[in-house]
N, C-alpha and C. Protein backbone atom coordinates (compact mmCIF):
# COMPACT_ATOMS: atom_id res chain seq x y z
N MET A 1 -206.53 61.24 116.72
CA MET A 1 -205.17 61.60 117.04
C MET A 1 -204.22 60.62 116.39
N LYS A 2 -203.29 61.13 115.64
CA LYS A 2 -202.40 60.26 114.93
C LYS A 2 -201.14 60.01 115.74
N ASN A 3 -200.60 58.83 115.57
CA ASN A 3 -199.33 58.53 116.21
C ASN A 3 -198.25 59.41 115.61
N GLN A 4 -197.29 59.77 116.39
CA GLN A 4 -196.21 60.61 115.93
C GLN A 4 -194.87 59.97 116.27
N ASN A 5 -193.92 60.20 115.38
CA ASN A 5 -192.57 59.75 115.70
C ASN A 5 -192.01 60.62 116.80
N LEU A 6 -191.41 60.03 117.75
CA LEU A 6 -190.94 60.79 118.90
C LEU A 6 -189.54 61.34 118.68
N PRO A 7 -189.34 62.65 119.05
CA PRO A 7 -187.98 63.17 119.00
C PRO A 7 -187.13 62.37 119.98
N SER A 8 -185.84 62.34 119.73
CA SER A 8 -184.97 61.51 120.56
C SER A 8 -184.98 61.95 122.00
N TRP A 9 -185.04 63.30 122.26
CA TRP A 9 -185.01 63.74 123.64
C TRP A 9 -186.29 63.43 124.38
N MET A 10 -187.37 63.17 123.58
CA MET A 10 -188.64 62.88 124.24
C MET A 10 -188.74 61.42 124.64
N LYS A 11 -187.86 60.66 124.10
CA LYS A 11 -187.95 59.25 124.45
C LYS A 11 -187.59 59.05 125.92
N GLN A 12 -186.82 59.96 126.48
CA GLN A 12 -186.52 59.80 127.90
C GLN A 12 -187.75 60.11 128.71
N LEU A 13 -188.51 60.89 128.26
CA LEU A 13 -189.79 61.19 128.89
C LEU A 13 -190.97 60.96 127.99
N THR A 14 -189.80 61.74 128.40
CA THR A 14 -189.86 62.29 127.33
C THR A 14 -190.42 63.39 127.69
N GLY A 15 -203.42 86.91 125.48
CA GLY A 15 -204.39 89.28 124.53
C GLY A 15 -205.83 92.75 125.09
N PHE A 16 -206.11 90.81 124.10
CA PHE A 16 -209.08 92.40 124.94
C PHE A 16 -208.76 95.18 124.14
N ALA A 17 -225.53 119.71 119.38
CA ALA A 17 -226.74 120.64 119.57
C ALA A 17 -227.12 121.15 118.26
N GLY A 18 -227.77 121.16 118.29
CA GLY A 18 -228.20 121.61 116.97
C GLY A 18 -227.19 122.59 116.38
N ILE A 19 -227.46 122.96 115.13
CA ILE A 19 -226.53 123.88 114.46
C ILE A 19 -226.65 125.23 115.13
N ILE A 20 -225.48 125.73 115.53
CA ILE A 20 -225.55 127.04 116.18
C ILE A 20 -225.50 128.08 115.08
N GLY A 21 -226.62 128.57 114.79
CA GLY A 21 -226.63 129.56 113.72
C GLY A 21 -226.26 130.92 114.28
N ALA A 22 -225.44 131.61 113.61
CA ALA A 22 -225.13 132.94 114.09
C ALA A 22 -226.14 133.89 113.51
N SER A 23 -227.23 133.27 113.00
CA SER A 23 -228.30 134.14 112.50
C SER A 23 -229.07 134.67 113.69
N ALA A 24 -228.29 135.29 114.59
CA ALA A 24 -228.92 135.91 115.75
C ALA A 24 -229.89 136.97 115.23
N LEU A 25 -230.96 137.17 115.96
CA LEU A 25 -231.99 138.08 115.45
C LEU A 25 -231.39 139.46 115.20
N ILE A 26 -231.51 139.87 113.96
CA ILE A 26 -230.97 141.20 113.61
C ILE A 26 -232.11 142.22 113.74
N GLY A 27 -231.95 143.15 114.70
CA GLY A 27 -233.04 144.10 114.95
C GLY A 27 -233.06 145.23 113.93
N PHE A 28 -234.09 145.21 113.17
CA PHE A 28 -234.27 146.31 112.19
C PHE A 28 -235.22 147.35 112.81
N PRO A 29 -234.90 148.65 112.69
CA PRO A 29 -235.79 149.70 113.27
C PRO A 29 -237.14 149.75 112.57
N ALA A 30 -238.16 150.03 113.36
CA ALA A 30 -239.51 150.18 112.80
C ALA A 30 -239.66 151.62 112.26
N TRP A 31 -239.97 151.65 110.98
CA TRP A 31 -240.04 152.99 110.37
C TRP A 31 -241.47 153.54 110.48
N ALA A 32 -241.58 154.83 111.06
CA ALA A 32 -242.89 155.46 111.20
C ALA A 32 -243.36 156.07 109.89
N HIS A 33 -242.37 156.60 109.10
CA HIS A 33 -242.72 157.21 107.83
C HIS A 33 -241.89 156.58 106.75
N ILE A 34 -242.52 156.03 105.77
CA ILE A 34 -241.79 155.37 104.71
C ILE A 34 -241.93 156.16 103.44
N THR A 35 -240.82 156.63 102.89
CA THR A 35 -240.82 157.34 101.62
C THR A 35 -239.97 156.57 100.66
N SER A 36 -240.03 156.93 99.47
CA SER A 36 -239.23 156.21 98.48
C SER A 36 -237.76 156.34 98.77
N ASN A 37 -237.35 157.52 99.30
CA ASN A 37 -235.92 157.69 99.61
C ASN A 37 -235.49 156.81 100.75
N THR A 38 -236.35 156.82 101.77
CA THR A 38 -235.97 156.00 102.93
C THR A 38 -236.01 154.53 102.59
N ASN A 39 -236.91 154.17 101.67
CA ASN A 39 -236.94 152.76 101.27
C ASN A 39 -235.63 152.34 100.64
N VAL A 40 -235.12 153.23 99.76
CA VAL A 40 -233.85 152.93 99.09
C VAL A 40 -232.72 152.87 100.11
N ALA A 41 -232.74 153.87 101.03
CA ALA A 41 -231.67 153.91 102.04
C ALA A 41 -231.72 152.66 102.90
N ASN A 42 -232.97 152.29 103.28
CA ASN A 42 -233.10 151.11 104.13
C ASN A 42 -232.65 149.86 103.41
N ALA A 43 -233.00 149.79 102.14
CA ALA A 43 -232.61 148.62 101.38
C ALA A 43 -231.10 148.51 101.30
N THR A 44 -230.46 149.69 101.07
CA THR A 44 -228.99 149.69 101.00
C THR A 44 -228.37 149.29 102.32
N GLN A 45 -228.93 149.87 103.41
CA GLN A 45 -228.39 149.56 104.73
C GLN A 45 -228.58 148.10 105.08
N THR A 46 -229.76 147.60 104.72
CA THR A 46 -230.04 146.20 105.03
C THR A 46 -229.07 145.29 104.32
N SER A 47 -228.78 145.66 103.05
CA SER A 47 -227.85 144.84 102.26
C SER A 47 -226.48 144.85 102.87
N GLN A 48 -226.04 146.04 103.35
CA GLN A 48 -224.71 146.15 103.96
C GLN A 48 -224.64 145.34 105.25
N VAL A 49 -225.68 145.47 106.05
CA VAL A 49 -225.69 144.75 107.32
C VAL A 49 -225.67 143.25 107.08
N ALA A 50 -226.52 142.82 106.14
CA ALA A 50 -226.58 141.39 105.86
C ALA A 50 -225.27 140.87 105.34
N GLY A 51 -224.59 141.70 104.54
CA GLY A 51 -223.31 141.27 104.00
C GLY A 51 -222.25 141.15 105.04
N ASN A 52 -222.40 141.91 106.13
CA ASN A 52 -221.40 141.85 107.20
C ASN A 52 -221.65 140.75 108.20
N VAL A 53 -222.84 140.19 108.12
CA VAL A 53 -223.17 139.13 109.07
C VAL A 53 -222.64 137.81 108.55
N LYS A 54 -221.84 137.16 109.28
CA LYS A 54 -221.30 135.86 108.89
C LYS A 54 -221.92 134.78 109.76
N THR A 55 -222.39 133.83 109.10
CA THR A 55 -222.97 132.71 109.85
C THR A 55 -221.86 131.90 110.47
N ALA A 56 -221.99 131.69 111.74
CA ALA A 56 -220.95 130.91 112.42
C ALA A 56 -220.89 129.53 111.82
N ALA A 57 -219.66 129.06 111.74
CA ALA A 57 -219.49 127.71 111.20
C ALA A 57 -220.12 126.69 112.11
N SER A 58 -220.81 125.76 111.51
CA SER A 58 -221.44 124.72 112.31
C SER A 58 -220.36 123.82 112.91
N PRO A 59 -220.51 123.47 114.17
CA PRO A 59 -219.50 122.61 114.78
C PRO A 59 -219.51 121.24 114.11
N ALA A 60 -218.33 120.66 114.04
CA ALA A 60 -218.24 119.33 113.45
C ALA A 60 -219.01 118.35 114.31
N PRO A 61 -219.73 117.46 113.67
CA PRO A 61 -220.50 116.48 114.46
C PRO A 61 -219.57 115.64 115.31
N MET A 62 -220.04 115.32 116.49
CA MET A 62 -219.23 114.51 117.39
C MET A 62 -219.14 113.09 116.84
N ALA A 63 -217.93 112.61 116.85
CA ALA A 63 -217.73 111.24 116.35
C ALA A 63 -218.27 110.24 117.36
N SER A 64 -218.92 109.24 116.85
CA SER A 64 -219.43 108.20 117.74
C SER A 64 -218.27 107.43 118.34
N PRO A 65 -218.32 107.15 119.62
CA PRO A 65 -217.21 106.41 120.23
C PRO A 65 -217.08 105.03 119.61
N LYS A 66 -215.85 104.65 119.35
CA LYS A 66 -215.62 103.33 118.79
C LYS A 66 -215.76 102.27 119.87
N PRO A 67 -216.40 101.19 119.54
CA PRO A 67 -216.51 100.12 120.55
C PRO A 67 -215.15 99.58 120.90
N MET A 68 -214.97 99.29 122.15
CA MET A 68 -213.69 98.75 122.61
C MET A 68 -213.52 97.34 122.09
N ALA A 69 -212.35 97.09 121.61
CA ALA A 69 -212.08 95.75 121.10
C ALA A 69 -211.99 94.77 122.25
N SER A 70 -212.48 93.59 122.03
CA SER A 70 -212.41 92.57 123.06
C SER A 70 -210.96 92.19 123.29
N PRO A 71 -210.54 92.08 124.54
CA PRO A 71 -209.15 91.73 124.79
C PRO A 71 -208.83 90.35 124.27
N ALA A 72 -207.63 90.21 123.78
CA ALA A 72 -207.21 88.90 123.27
C ALA A 72 -207.04 87.94 124.44
N PRO A 73 -207.32 86.66 124.22
CA PRO A 73 -207.16 85.69 125.30
C PRO A 73 -205.74 85.70 125.83
N MET A 74 -205.62 85.61 127.12
CA MET A 74 -204.31 85.60 127.74
C MET A 74 -203.62 84.27 127.46
N ALA A 75 -202.41 84.37 126.99
CA ALA A 75 -201.65 83.15 126.74
C ALA A 75 -201.15 82.59 128.06
N ALA A 76 -201.10 81.26 128.13
CA ALA A 76 -200.59 80.63 129.33
C ALA A 76 -199.12 80.97 129.49
N THR A 77 -198.71 81.30 130.68
CA THR A 77 -197.33 81.69 130.94
C THR A 77 -196.56 80.65 131.75
N LYS A 78 -197.26 79.72 132.37
CA LYS A 78 -196.60 78.71 133.19
C LYS A 78 -196.47 77.40 132.42
N ASP A 79 -195.35 76.73 132.61
CA ASP A 79 -195.18 75.45 131.95
C ASP A 79 -195.89 74.35 132.76
N ILE A 80 -195.85 73.16 132.22
CA ILE A 80 -196.57 72.04 132.84
C ILE A 80 -196.09 71.77 134.26
N VAL A 81 -194.80 71.78 134.46
CA VAL A 81 -194.25 71.52 135.80
C VAL A 81 -194.67 72.60 136.79
N ALA A 82 -194.62 73.86 136.36
CA ALA A 82 -195.01 74.97 137.25
C ALA A 82 -196.47 74.87 137.66
N ILE A 83 -197.33 74.48 136.71
CA ILE A 83 -198.75 74.32 137.03
C ILE A 83 -198.97 73.17 137.99
N ALA A 84 -198.33 72.05 137.72
CA ALA A 84 -198.49 70.88 138.58
C ALA A 84 -197.97 71.15 139.99
N SER A 85 -196.81 71.77 140.08
CA SER A 85 -196.22 72.01 141.40
C SER A 85 -197.00 73.05 142.19
N GLY A 86 -197.79 73.89 141.52
CA GLY A 86 -198.58 74.90 142.21
C GLY A 86 -199.98 74.45 142.53
N ASP A 87 -200.31 73.20 142.18
CA ASP A 87 -201.65 72.67 142.42
C ASP A 87 -201.59 71.61 143.52
N PRO A 88 -202.30 71.80 144.63
CA PRO A 88 -202.22 70.86 145.75
C PRO A 88 -202.66 69.44 145.45
N GLN A 89 -203.38 69.22 144.35
CA GLN A 89 -203.82 67.86 144.05
C GLN A 89 -202.74 67.06 143.30
N PHE A 90 -201.62 67.71 143.01
CA PHE A 90 -200.55 67.04 142.28
C PHE A 90 -199.26 66.93 143.08
N LYS A 91 -199.35 66.84 144.39
CA LYS A 91 -198.14 66.76 145.21
C LYS A 91 -197.34 65.51 144.91
N THR A 92 -198.02 64.38 144.83
CA THR A 92 -197.32 63.12 144.56
C THR A 92 -196.73 63.12 143.16
N LEU A 93 -197.48 63.60 142.19
CA LEU A 93 -196.98 63.67 140.82
C LEU A 93 -195.75 64.54 140.74
N THR A 94 -195.78 65.68 141.40
CA THR A 94 -194.62 66.58 141.39
C THR A 94 -193.40 65.92 142.00
N LYS A 95 -193.61 65.21 143.09
CA LYS A 95 -192.51 64.50 143.74
C LYS A 95 -191.96 63.41 142.82
N ALA A 96 -192.85 62.72 142.16
CA ALA A 96 -192.44 61.65 141.25
C ALA A 96 -191.64 62.20 140.07
N LEU A 97 -192.04 63.32 139.52
CA LEU A 97 -191.31 63.92 138.41
C LEU A 97 -189.89 64.28 138.83
N GLY A 98 -189.76 64.75 140.05
CA GLY A 98 -188.44 65.08 140.56
C GLY A 98 -187.58 63.84 140.74
N ALA A 99 -188.17 62.80 141.28
CA ALA A 99 -187.43 61.56 141.52
C ALA A 99 -187.00 60.90 140.21
N ALA A 100 -187.76 61.11 139.15
CA ALA A 100 -187.45 60.52 137.85
C ALA A 100 -186.60 61.45 136.99
N ASP A 101 -186.21 62.59 137.51
CA ASP A 101 -185.44 63.58 136.75
C ASP A 101 -186.14 63.99 135.46
N LEU A 102 -187.44 64.16 135.53
CA LEU A 102 -188.21 64.54 134.35
C LEU A 102 -188.68 66.00 134.39
N VAL A 103 -188.31 66.71 135.45
CA VAL A 103 -188.74 68.11 135.58
C VAL A 103 -188.23 68.94 134.41
N ALA A 104 -186.93 68.86 134.14
CA ALA A 104 -186.35 69.66 133.06
C ALA A 104 -186.96 69.31 131.71
N THR A 105 -187.28 68.04 131.52
CA THR A 105 -187.87 67.61 130.25
C THR A 105 -189.24 68.23 130.04
N LEU A 106 -190.07 68.23 131.07
CA LEU A 106 -191.42 68.79 130.95
C LEU A 106 -191.45 70.32 131.05
N GLN A 107 -190.27 70.91 131.21
CA GLN A 107 -190.16 72.36 131.17
C GLN A 107 -189.73 72.84 129.78
N ARG A 108 -189.42 71.89 128.92
CA ARG A 108 -189.02 72.24 127.56
C ARG A 108 -190.21 72.72 126.74
N LYS A 109 -189.90 73.17 125.53
CA LYS A 109 -190.93 73.76 124.66
C LYS A 109 -192.03 72.79 124.31
N GLY A 110 -191.68 71.54 124.13
CA GLY A 110 -192.68 70.54 123.79
C GLY A 110 -193.25 70.73 122.41
N PRO A 111 -194.56 70.74 122.26
CA PRO A 111 -195.56 70.68 123.34
C PRO A 111 -195.86 69.25 123.76
N PHE A 112 -196.48 69.13 124.94
CA PHE A 112 -196.86 67.85 125.51
C PHE A 112 -198.33 67.87 125.91
N THR A 113 -198.93 66.69 125.89
CA THR A 113 -200.24 66.49 126.50
C THR A 113 -200.03 65.53 127.65
N VAL A 114 -200.37 65.96 128.85
CA VAL A 114 -200.12 65.15 130.04
C VAL A 114 -201.45 64.74 130.67
N PHE A 115 -201.60 63.44 130.86
CA PHE A 115 -202.74 62.92 131.61
C PHE A 115 -202.24 62.77 133.04
N ALA A 116 -202.63 63.71 133.89
CA ALA A 116 -202.04 63.83 135.22
C ALA A 116 -202.89 63.19 136.31
N PRO A 117 -202.36 62.15 136.97
CA PRO A 117 -203.09 61.52 138.08
C PRO A 117 -203.07 62.43 139.32
N THR A 118 -204.16 62.45 140.03
CA THR A 118 -204.23 63.23 141.26
C THR A 118 -203.57 62.46 142.40
N ASP A 119 -203.41 63.12 143.54
CA ASP A 119 -202.88 62.46 144.73
C ASP A 119 -203.78 61.29 145.12
N ALA A 120 -205.09 61.48 144.98
CA ALA A 120 -206.03 60.40 145.32
C ALA A 120 -205.81 59.19 144.42
N ALA A 121 -205.47 59.45 143.16
CA ALA A 121 -205.21 58.35 142.23
C ALA A 121 -203.97 57.56 142.65
N PHE A 122 -202.94 58.26 143.05
CA PHE A 122 -201.73 57.58 143.53
C PHE A 122 -202.00 56.81 144.81
N ALA A 123 -202.83 57.41 145.70
CA ALA A 123 -203.14 56.77 146.97
C ALA A 123 -203.94 55.49 146.78
N ALA A 124 -204.62 55.36 145.63
CA ALA A 124 -205.43 54.17 145.37
C ALA A 124 -204.58 52.98 144.92
N LEU A 125 -203.30 53.19 144.66
CA LEU A 125 -202.42 52.08 144.29
C LEU A 125 -202.20 51.18 145.50
N PRO A 126 -201.80 49.95 145.27
CA PRO A 126 -201.54 49.05 146.40
C PRO A 126 -200.57 49.70 147.40
N GLU A 127 -200.78 49.40 148.64
CA GLU A 127 -199.97 49.99 149.70
C GLU A 127 -198.49 49.78 149.44
N GLY A 128 -197.73 50.82 149.59
CA GLY A 128 -196.28 50.74 149.44
C GLY A 128 -195.79 50.97 148.02
N THR A 129 -196.70 50.99 147.05
CA THR A 129 -196.29 51.13 145.65
C THR A 129 -195.59 52.46 145.39
N VAL A 130 -196.18 53.55 145.81
CA VAL A 130 -195.59 54.87 145.57
C VAL A 130 -194.25 54.99 146.26
N GLU A 131 -194.19 54.54 147.49
CA GLU A 131 -192.93 54.63 148.24
C GLU A 131 -191.82 53.86 147.53
N ASN A 132 -192.13 52.70 147.02
CA ASN A 132 -191.12 51.91 146.32
C ASN A 132 -190.70 52.57 145.01
N LEU A 133 -191.64 53.12 144.29
CA LEU A 133 -191.32 53.76 143.02
C LEU A 133 -190.44 54.98 143.20
N LEU A 134 -190.54 55.62 144.34
CA LEU A 134 -189.76 56.83 144.59
C LEU A 134 -188.32 56.52 145.02
N LYS A 135 -188.03 55.26 145.23
CA LYS A 135 -186.66 54.89 145.62
C LYS A 135 -185.72 55.03 144.43
N PRO A 136 -184.49 55.47 144.66
CA PRO A 136 -183.52 55.67 143.57
C PRO A 136 -183.33 54.43 142.70
N GLU A 137 -183.35 53.26 143.32
CA GLU A 137 -183.12 52.04 142.55
C GLU A 137 -184.28 51.72 141.60
N ASN A 138 -185.43 52.36 141.78
CA ASN A 138 -186.58 52.11 140.91
C ASN A 138 -186.85 53.28 139.96
N LYS A 139 -185.84 54.09 139.75
CA LYS A 139 -185.98 55.29 138.92
C LYS A 139 -186.41 54.94 137.49
N ALA A 140 -185.82 53.92 136.91
CA ALA A 140 -186.14 53.55 135.53
C ALA A 140 -187.61 53.15 135.40
N GLN A 141 -188.10 52.39 136.37
CA GLN A 141 -189.49 51.96 136.34
C GLN A 141 -190.43 53.15 136.51
N LEU A 142 -190.08 54.06 137.41
CA LEU A 142 -190.89 55.25 137.64
C LEU A 142 -190.93 56.12 136.38
N THR A 143 -189.78 56.25 135.73
CA THR A 143 -189.71 57.05 134.51
C THR A 143 -190.62 56.47 133.43
N LYS A 144 -190.61 55.16 133.31
CA LYS A 144 -191.44 54.48 132.32
C LYS A 144 -192.93 54.75 132.59
N ILE A 145 -193.32 54.66 133.85
CA ILE A 145 -194.72 54.87 134.22
C ILE A 145 -195.15 56.31 133.94
N LEU A 146 -194.31 57.26 134.32
CA LEU A 146 -194.66 58.67 134.11
C LEU A 146 -194.70 59.02 132.62
N ALA A 147 -193.76 58.46 131.86
CA ALA A 147 -193.74 58.72 130.42
C ALA A 147 -194.97 58.16 129.73
N TYR A 148 -195.56 57.15 130.32
CA TYR A 148 -196.78 56.55 129.77
C TYR A 148 -197.97 57.50 129.88
N HIS A 149 -197.86 58.52 130.71
CA HIS A 149 -198.93 59.49 130.90
C HIS A 149 -198.78 60.70 129.98
N VAL A 150 -197.78 60.67 129.11
CA VAL A 150 -197.49 61.83 128.26
C VAL A 150 -197.60 61.45 126.78
N VAL A 151 -198.23 62.36 126.01
CA VAL A 151 -198.37 62.17 124.56
C VAL A 151 -197.76 63.39 123.87
N PRO A 152 -197.01 63.18 122.80
CA PRO A 152 -196.44 64.31 122.08
C PRO A 152 -197.52 65.21 121.49
N GLY A 153 -197.30 66.51 121.49
CA GLY A 153 -198.27 67.45 120.94
C GLY A 153 -199.22 67.97 122.00
N SER A 154 -199.90 69.06 121.67
CA SER A 154 -200.88 69.66 122.58
C SER A 154 -202.28 69.37 122.06
N VAL A 155 -202.98 68.46 122.74
CA VAL A 155 -204.30 68.02 122.27
C VAL A 155 -205.38 68.39 123.28
N LEU A 156 -206.27 69.30 122.91
CA LEU A 156 -207.38 69.69 123.77
C LEU A 156 -208.45 68.60 123.74
N SER A 157 -209.32 68.62 124.72
CA SER A 157 -210.35 67.60 124.82
C SER A 157 -211.28 67.61 123.61
N THR A 158 -211.46 68.79 123.00
CA THR A 158 -212.34 68.90 121.84
C THR A 158 -211.75 68.20 120.61
N SER A 159 -210.48 67.87 120.68
CA SER A 159 -209.82 67.20 119.56
C SER A 159 -209.60 65.73 119.83
N LEU A 160 -209.90 65.29 121.04
CA LEU A 160 -209.70 63.89 121.37
C LEU A 160 -210.74 63.02 120.65
N LYS A 161 -210.27 61.94 120.10
CA LYS A 161 -211.16 61.00 119.42
C LYS A 161 -210.87 59.59 119.93
N SER A 162 -211.86 58.76 119.84
CA SER A 162 -211.69 57.38 120.29
C SER A 162 -210.65 56.68 119.42
N GLY A 163 -209.81 55.91 120.09
CA GLY A 163 -208.78 55.19 119.37
C GLY A 163 -207.49 55.12 120.17
N ASP A 164 -206.50 54.47 119.61
CA ASP A 164 -205.22 54.33 120.28
C ASP A 164 -204.27 55.46 119.90
N VAL A 165 -203.46 55.86 120.85
CA VAL A 165 -202.45 56.88 120.63
C VAL A 165 -201.17 56.44 121.33
N THR A 166 -200.06 56.71 120.73
CA THR A 166 -198.78 56.28 121.29
C THR A 166 -198.27 57.29 122.30
N SER A 167 -197.94 56.81 123.46
CA SER A 167 -197.40 57.66 124.52
C SER A 167 -195.92 57.89 124.29
N VAL A 168 -195.34 58.80 125.03
CA VAL A 168 -193.91 59.05 124.97
C VAL A 168 -193.13 57.81 125.42
N GLU A 169 -193.72 57.04 126.29
CA GLU A 169 -193.07 55.82 126.76
C GLU A 169 -192.94 54.80 125.63
N GLY A 170 -193.82 54.86 124.65
CA GLY A 170 -193.76 53.94 123.53
C GLY A 170 -194.95 53.02 123.40
N SER A 171 -195.66 52.80 124.48
CA SER A 171 -196.84 51.95 124.44
C SER A 171 -198.08 52.77 124.11
N SER A 172 -199.13 52.06 123.68
CA SER A 172 -200.36 52.75 123.28
C SER A 172 -201.28 53.02 124.45
N LEU A 173 -201.96 54.15 124.37
CA LEU A 173 -203.03 54.51 125.29
C LEU A 173 -204.33 54.40 124.51
N ASN A 174 -205.36 53.89 125.16
CA ASN A 174 -206.65 53.80 124.49
C ASN A 174 -207.56 54.93 124.95
N VAL A 175 -207.91 55.80 124.02
CA VAL A 175 -208.79 56.93 124.31
C VAL A 175 -210.20 56.57 123.88
N ALA A 176 -211.16 56.79 124.78
CA ALA A 176 -212.56 56.52 124.46
C ALA A 176 -213.38 57.78 124.75
N VAL A 177 -214.08 58.27 123.74
CA VAL A 177 -214.93 59.46 123.88
C VAL A 177 -216.38 59.04 123.66
N SER A 178 -217.22 59.25 124.67
CA SER A 178 -218.62 58.85 124.57
C SER A 178 -219.50 59.73 125.43
N ALA A 179 -220.55 60.28 124.84
CA ALA A 179 -221.53 61.11 125.56
C ALA A 179 -220.86 62.23 126.35
N GLY A 180 -219.85 62.84 125.76
CA GLY A 180 -219.18 63.96 126.41
C GLY A 180 -218.18 63.57 127.46
N LYS A 181 -217.99 62.27 127.66
CA LYS A 181 -217.03 61.81 128.65
C LYS A 181 -215.82 61.21 127.95
N VAL A 182 -214.66 61.37 128.59
CA VAL A 182 -213.42 60.85 128.02
C VAL A 182 -212.73 59.97 129.03
N THR A 183 -212.30 58.81 128.57
CA THR A 183 -211.49 57.93 129.41
C THR A 183 -210.21 57.63 128.65
N VAL A 184 -209.16 57.39 129.42
CA VAL A 184 -207.86 57.06 128.84
C VAL A 184 -207.38 55.79 129.50
N SER A 185 -207.37 54.72 128.75
CA SER A 185 -206.97 53.41 129.28
C SER A 185 -207.65 53.10 130.61
N GLY A 186 -208.94 53.41 130.68
CA GLY A 186 -209.73 53.09 131.87
C GLY A 186 -209.81 54.19 132.90
N ALA A 187 -208.98 55.22 132.78
CA ALA A 187 -209.01 56.34 133.73
C ALA A 187 -209.95 57.43 133.21
N ASN A 188 -210.74 58.00 134.10
CA ASN A 188 -211.65 59.08 133.73
C ASN A 188 -210.94 60.43 133.70
N VAL A 189 -211.19 61.21 132.67
CA VAL A 189 -210.69 62.58 132.63
C VAL A 189 -211.68 63.42 133.45
N VAL A 190 -211.26 63.81 134.65
CA VAL A 190 -212.15 64.53 135.55
C VAL A 190 -212.08 66.04 135.37
N LYS A 191 -211.02 66.52 134.77
CA LYS A 191 -210.89 67.93 134.43
C LYS A 191 -209.99 68.02 133.21
N ALA A 192 -210.45 68.75 132.20
CA ALA A 192 -209.70 68.80 130.95
C ALA A 192 -209.20 70.21 130.63
N ASP A 193 -208.23 70.24 129.74
CA ASP A 193 -207.78 71.48 129.11
C ASP A 193 -207.20 72.52 130.07
N ILE A 194 -206.33 72.08 130.96
CA ILE A 194 -205.56 73.04 131.76
C ILE A 194 -204.38 73.43 130.89
N LYS A 195 -204.44 74.64 130.33
CA LYS A 195 -203.45 75.04 129.34
C LYS A 195 -202.15 75.54 129.99
N ALA A 196 -201.06 75.06 129.45
CA ALA A 196 -199.73 75.48 129.89
C ALA A 196 -199.01 76.12 128.72
N SER A 197 -197.90 76.76 128.99
CA SER A 197 -197.15 77.42 127.92
C SER A 197 -196.54 76.40 126.97
N ASN A 198 -196.37 75.18 127.43
CA ASN A 198 -195.76 74.16 126.58
C ASN A 198 -196.65 72.92 126.42
N GLY A 199 -197.95 73.12 126.51
CA GLY A 199 -198.85 71.98 126.31
C GLY A 199 -200.15 72.10 127.07
N VAL A 200 -200.71 70.96 127.42
CA VAL A 200 -202.00 70.94 128.10
C VAL A 200 -202.04 69.77 129.07
N ILE A 201 -202.78 69.95 130.16
CA ILE A 201 -202.93 68.91 131.18
C ILE A 201 -204.38 68.49 131.25
N HIS A 202 -204.59 67.17 131.27
CA HIS A 202 -205.92 66.61 131.53
C HIS A 202 -205.81 65.82 132.82
N VAL A 203 -206.64 66.14 133.79
CA VAL A 203 -206.59 65.48 135.10
C VAL A 203 -207.32 64.14 135.03
N ILE A 204 -206.69 63.08 135.51
CA ILE A 204 -207.32 61.76 135.51
C ILE A 204 -207.37 61.20 136.93
N ASP A 205 -208.26 60.21 137.12
CA ASP A 205 -208.49 59.68 138.47
C ASP A 205 -207.82 58.33 138.71
N LYS A 206 -206.88 58.00 137.87
CA LYS A 206 -206.23 56.69 138.01
C LYS A 206 -204.81 56.77 137.46
N VAL A 207 -203.90 56.08 138.12
CA VAL A 207 -202.53 56.01 137.62
C VAL A 207 -202.47 54.96 136.52
N LEU A 208 -201.94 55.33 135.37
CA LEU A 208 -201.86 54.41 134.24
C LEU A 208 -200.58 53.59 134.29
N MET A 209 -200.70 52.32 134.03
CA MET A 209 -199.54 51.44 134.07
C MET A 209 -199.27 50.88 132.67
N PRO A 210 -198.10 51.10 132.11
CA PRO A 210 -197.80 50.53 130.79
C PRO A 210 -197.78 49.02 130.86
N PRO A 211 -197.96 48.33 129.74
CA PRO A 211 -198.04 46.87 129.74
C PRO A 211 -196.84 46.19 130.42
N ASP A 212 -195.67 46.76 130.23
CA ASP A 212 -194.48 46.15 130.82
C ASP A 212 -193.90 47.02 131.93
N ALA A 213 -194.77 47.50 132.80
CA ALA A 213 -194.33 48.42 133.85
C ALA A 213 -193.33 47.79 134.80
N THR A 214 -193.29 46.50 134.89
CA THR A 214 -192.39 45.86 135.84
C THR A 214 -191.00 45.63 135.27
N LYS A 215 -190.81 45.90 133.98
CA LYS A 215 -189.52 45.67 133.35
C LYS A 215 -188.61 46.85 133.50
């Protein structure tokens, strides 16, 4: 994942019978006496009858049914904020986004990649930390912390590679991919690739703190 220059507005946060022959049996009379005259007459009659018989047109073969096309994958219709607010494991994150006035930002087109801490991750912080961060006077600090969980662009887990990537906050996140597991600055990605209309969410089990989170 390459570092990207951040747009100015991001710095704040930043489909699916056989042929029916009409050759019905033509009954010819059985002749008891055959003379040369009757032979000629019969031959003439037979020719006339045969000429009047029309073979029914064979029905057109039935077309084989076309296989149904596989439906196209459904595009995500909810943005990142809508997904987070509708998931019970992100109650604290949703509240924090509101307190930091970042809801409108994460509703924009983006795209964004969000490493989203669960409620359990927030609860693991020292006692009183979340409550203090949610206070109006600590809005700047909360914004910085939340922005540290966001990376510009939509990056699925299959594209994640080990190395540093710059967050929207400005500091680097260290991504480590090993044996099918992904960690981000020490936090485990416990669920990946929750697709949103404006990006993707990866669920993590730890709240990430930027190097200068206290500033």
